[in-house]
Protein backbone atom coordinates (compact mmCIF):
# COMPACT_ATOMS: atom_id res chain seq x y z
CA UNK A 1 7.79 -14.62 -2.71
CA UNK A 2 5.17 -12.80 -4.49
CA UNK A 3 3.82 -12.46 -8.24
CA UNK A 4 2.04 -10.09 -10.11
CA UNK A 5 1.64 -13.07 -12.78
CA UNK A 6 2.67 -16.80 -11.87
CA UNK A 7 2.69 -19.00 -15.25
CA UNK A 8 1.74 -22.48 -14.45
CA UNK A 9 3.77 -24.74 -17.05
CA UNK A 10 6.98 -24.07 -19.25
CA UNK A 11 5.41 -25.62 -22.60
CA UNK A 12 4.21 -23.90 -25.63
CA UNK A 13 1.58 -21.12 -24.31
CA UNK A 14 2.80 -20.23 -21.09
CA UNK A 15 6.76 -19.75 -22.50
CA UNK A 16 5.15 -17.68 -25.05
CA UNK A 17 3.52 -15.72 -22.32
CA UNK A 18 6.43 -15.11 -20.31
CA UNK A 19 7.97 -13.90 -23.61
CA UNK A 20 5.49 -11.32 -23.85
CA UNK A 21 5.91 -10.21 -20.65
CA UNK A 22 9.67 -9.98 -20.74
CA UNK A 23 9.95 -7.52 -23.91
CA UNK A 24 7.22 -5.26 -22.60
CA UNK A 25 9.95 -4.64 -19.33
CA UNK A 26 9.92 -1.08 -20.64
CA UNK A 27 6.45 0.00 -20.60
CA UNK A 28 5.75 2.27 -17.97
CA UNK A 29 2.41 0.11 -17.18
CA UNK A 30 5.38 -3.22 -16.22
CA UNK A 31 7.11 -0.63 -13.75
CA UNK A 32 8.32 -3.11 -10.46
CA UNK A 33 5.63 -6.19 -11.77
CA UNK A 34 6.74 -9.03 -11.02
CA UNK A 35 6.38 -12.55 -13.29
CA UNK A 36 7.77 -15.71 -12.50
CA UNK A 37 7.25 -19.17 -15.00
CA UNK A 38 7.16 -22.48 -13.03
CA UNK A 39 8.90 -24.52 -16.02
CA UNK A 40 7.69 -27.80 -15.73
CA UNK A 41 7.87 -29.52 -18.99
CA UNK A 42 7.91 -33.43 -18.50
CA UNK A 43 4.17 -33.80 -19.70
CA UNK A 44 4.54 -31.41 -22.39
CA UNK A 45 3.39 -32.74 -25.88
CA UNK A 46 6.30 -31.46 -27.51
CA UNK A 47 8.33 -34.12 -25.58
CA UNK A 48 7.75 -36.55 -28.79
CA UNK A 49 6.81 -33.86 -30.97
CA UNK A 50 8.93 -32.58 -34.90
CA UNK A 51 7.88 -29.65 -36.37
CA UNK A 52 7.17 -29.17 -40.24
CA UNK A 53 4.18 -27.01 -40.30
CA UNK A 54 4.75 -24.56 -38.26
CA UNK A 55 5.02 -21.01 -39.20
CA UNK A 56 8.83 -19.45 -38.43
CA UNK A 57 10.18 -22.94 -37.28
CA UNK A 58 12.95 -25.02 -39.32
CA UNK A 59 11.34 -27.96 -40.56
CA UNK A 60 12.43 -30.91 -38.63
CA UNK A 61 12.82 -29.14 -34.82
CA UNK A 62 12.25 -31.61 -32.33
CA UNK A 63 10.31 -30.73 -30.07
CA UNK A 64 12.28 -31.27 -26.90
CA UNK A 65 14.89 -29.21 -28.16
CA UNK A 66 12.37 -26.36 -28.64
CA UNK A 67 11.16 -27.03 -24.96
CA UNK A 68 15.05 -26.18 -24.15
CA UNK A 69 15.87 -23.72 -26.33
CA UNK A 70 12.61 -21.33 -25.13
CA UNK A 71 14.20 -21.66 -21.47
CA UNK A 72 17.82 -20.60 -22.78
CA UNK A 73 15.86 -17.62 -24.81
CA UNK A 74 13.76 -16.46 -21.68
CA UNK A 75 16.77 -16.62 -19.79
CA UNK A 76 19.01 -14.81 -22.15
CA UNK A 77 16.75 -12.09 -23.42
CA UNK A 78 14.32 -11.81 -20.27
CA UNK A 79 16.37 -12.79 -17.35
CA UNK A 80 13.85 -10.63 -15.05
CA UNK A 81 11.38 -13.44 -15.23
CA UNK A 82 12.36 -15.74 -12.36
CA UNK A 83 12.42 -18.80 -14.08
CA UNK A 84 11.14 -21.77 -11.07
CA UNK A 85 12.69 -25.01 -11.74
CA UNK A 86 12.04 -28.58 -10.99
CA UNK A 87 8.95 -27.91 -9.07
CA UNK A 88 5.23 -29.17 -9.66
CA UNK A 89 1.86 -26.97 -8.23
CA UNK A 90 -0.33 -28.87 -6.16
CA UNK A 91 -2.94 -26.79 -5.32
CA UNK A 92 -4.20 -23.34 -5.94
CA UNK A 93 -6.64 -21.38 -3.25
CA UNK A 94 -8.08 -17.84 -2.30
CA UNK A 95 -9.79 -15.39 -5.11
CA UNK A 96 -8.59 -12.53 -6.76
CA UNK A 97 -7.17 -10.07 -5.71
CA UNK A 98 -4.29 -12.47 -4.33
CA UNK A 99 -3.85 -16.14 -4.89
CA UNK A 100 -1.63 -19.27 -2.67
CA UNK A 101 -0.36 -21.92 -5.38
CA UNK A 102 1.46 -24.67 -3.62
CA UNK A 103 4.29 -26.97 -4.99
CA UNK A 104 6.24 -29.77 -3.82
CA UNK A 105 8.89 -27.77 -2.46
CA UNK A 106 7.37 -23.65 -1.87
CA UNK A 107 3.97 -21.47 -1.25
CA UNK A 108 3.81 -18.86 -3.86
CA UNK A 109 1.30 -15.92 -3.68
CA UNK A 110 0.14 -14.47 -7.32
CA UNK A 111 -2.71 -11.81 -8.03
CA UNK A 112 -2.59 -13.33 -11.41
CA UNK A 113 -2.21 -17.25 -12.18
CA UNK A 114 -1.68 -18.44 -15.62
CA UNK A 115 -2.21 -21.69 -16.46
CA UNK A 116 -0.71 -24.02 -19.46
CA UNK A 117 0.38 -27.65 -18.08
CA UNK A 118 -2.60 -29.49 -21.25
CA UNK A 119 -4.88 -31.08 -21.10
CA UNK A 120 -4.22 -34.25 -19.58
CA UNK A 121 -6.99 -36.53 -17.37
CA UNK A 122 -6.75 -36.91 -14.30
CA UNK A 123 -5.87 -32.35 -13.92
CA UNK A 124 -3.75 -32.74 -10.80
CA UNK A 125 -3.90 -29.22 -9.64
CA UNK A 126 -6.17 -29.04 -6.39
CA UNK A 127 -8.69 -26.41 -5.57
CA UNK A 128 -10.15 -25.87 -9.56
CA UNK A 129 -12.62 -28.97 -9.14
CA UNK A 130 -15.76 -26.74 -10.55
CA UNK A 131 -14.44 -25.54 -13.43
CA UNK A 132 -13.03 -29.13 -15.11
CA UNK A 133 -14.76 -30.08 -18.00
CA UNK A 134 -14.36 -32.65 -20.69
CA UNK A 135 -12.25 -31.30 -23.72
CA UNK A 136 -15.00 -29.52 -25.92
CA UNK A 137 -12.41 -30.05 -29.15
CA UNK A 138 -10.53 -33.42 -28.56
CA UNK A 139 -11.59 -36.80 -29.61
CA UNK A 140 -14.04 -38.02 -26.97
CA UNK A 141 -11.84 -41.80 -26.80
CA UNK A 142 -8.87 -39.53 -25.72
CA UNK A 143 -10.32 -38.82 -22.41
CA UNK A 144 -8.76 -35.28 -22.46
CA UNK A 145 -9.90 -32.74 -19.57
CA UNK A 146 -10.07 -28.64 -20.04
CA UNK A 147 -11.01 -25.78 -17.61
CA UNK A 148 -14.18 -24.05 -18.45
CA UNK A 149 -13.19 -20.19 -19.48
CA UNK A 150 -14.42 -17.87 -21.21
CA UNK A 151 -11.74 -16.16 -23.64
CA UNK A 152 -9.38 -17.93 -21.84
CA UNK A 153 -10.58 -16.16 -17.99
CA UNK A 154 -11.62 -18.86 -15.59
CA UNK A 155 -12.22 -16.95 -12.69
CA UNK A 156 -10.86 -13.31 -11.81
CA UNK A 157 -6.96 -13.72 -11.97
CA UNK A 158 -7.09 -17.26 -13.05
CA UNK A 159 -6.37 -17.96 -16.79
CA UNK A 160 -6.65 -21.11 -18.66
CA UNK A 161 -4.21 -21.38 -21.94
CA UNK A 162 -3.39 -24.12 -24.36
CA UNK A 163 -5.26 -27.13 -24.60
CA UNK A 164 -6.20 -26.62 -21.45
CA UNK A 165 -8.32 -23.64 -22.47
CA UNK A 166 -9.90 -26.18 -25.10
CA UNK A 167 -7.95 -25.47 -27.85
CA UNK A 168 -6.95 -27.71 -30.58
CA UNK A 169 -3.40 -29.33 -30.02
CA UNK A 170 -1.44 -27.49 -32.58
CA UNK A 171 1.78 -25.63 -31.88
CA UNK A 172 1.01 -22.27 -33.27
CA UNK A 173 -2.77 -22.46 -31.46
CA UNK A 174 -0.81 -22.90 -28.22
CA UNK A 175 1.13 -20.04 -28.55
CA UNK A 176 -1.20 -17.44 -29.71
CA UNK A 177 -3.04 -18.63 -26.46
CA UNK A 178 -0.47 -17.49 -24.08
CA UNK A 179 0.18 -14.46 -26.04
CA UNK A 180 -3.33 -13.02 -26.18
CA UNK A 181 -3.95 -13.96 -22.30
CA UNK A 182 -0.21 -11.61 -21.77
CA UNK A 183 -1.96 -8.88 -23.63
CA UNK A 184 -5.58 -8.96 -22.18
CA UNK A 185 -3.50 -8.83 -18.53
CA UNK A 186 -1.17 -6.02 -19.53
CA UNK A 187 -4.31 -4.28 -21.34
CA UNK A 188 -5.83 -4.09 -17.39
CA UNK A 189 -2.71 -2.81 -16.13
CA UNK A 190 -2.27 -0.39 -19.13
CA UNK A 191 -5.89 1.36 -17.76
CA UNK A 192 -7.74 -0.94 -19.79
CA UNK A 193 -6.06 0.65 -23.06
CA UNK A 194 -5.40 -1.90 -25.10
CA UNK A 195 -1.77 -3.62 -25.26
CA UNK A 196 0.44 -5.13 -28.36
CA UNK A 197 3.99 -5.37 -27.81
CA UNK A 198 6.17 -5.57 -31.01
CA UNK A 199 9.82 -5.32 -31.44
CA UNK A 200 11.29 -3.32 -34.61
CA UNK A 201 14.25 -2.84 -36.52
CA UNK A 202 15.90 0.72 -36.13
CA UNK A 203 14.63 3.03 -37.91
CA UNK A 204 17.90 4.54 -40.54
């Protein structure tokens, strides 16, 4: 199966990117674009989180609930985004404009890859070793890792988001990074005309 964008990781940053791509479905530059997300969530730090300080989220919301609700949200509003369950990415190979992604069950092709699997050590996807560095905004004793990047771009066609991009572990920061990368990619598809994706109430 081949994707225009394959998102790796179903946490905050990956799901935020998927939702932005989904909501842009009627834009002309999205015609025939195929988006997928490997919604592996077991290692997400949200599994043990509770939120009292996140904008727009009801105080007391549990992170594991938010993870499950995000998948339902994506499926209900944007079913054209392929959600791939119960697979773990093992290797990424190739160069832009087409990469190969091997999981424990399948092999996929993608023109663009967004990786949001957190800053855990070790980094478990083979093929990007040269970009792995110590996390620049985490306490050294936590021994976290990130992918070296410039404005989320690791190398042509591959993006890191969330803590894997070197960001601090805050839900709103992670969500923003996923949305930022989604709009960056859509801007490229829109002949470099800047893209924002907004929903609005109908005019009376």
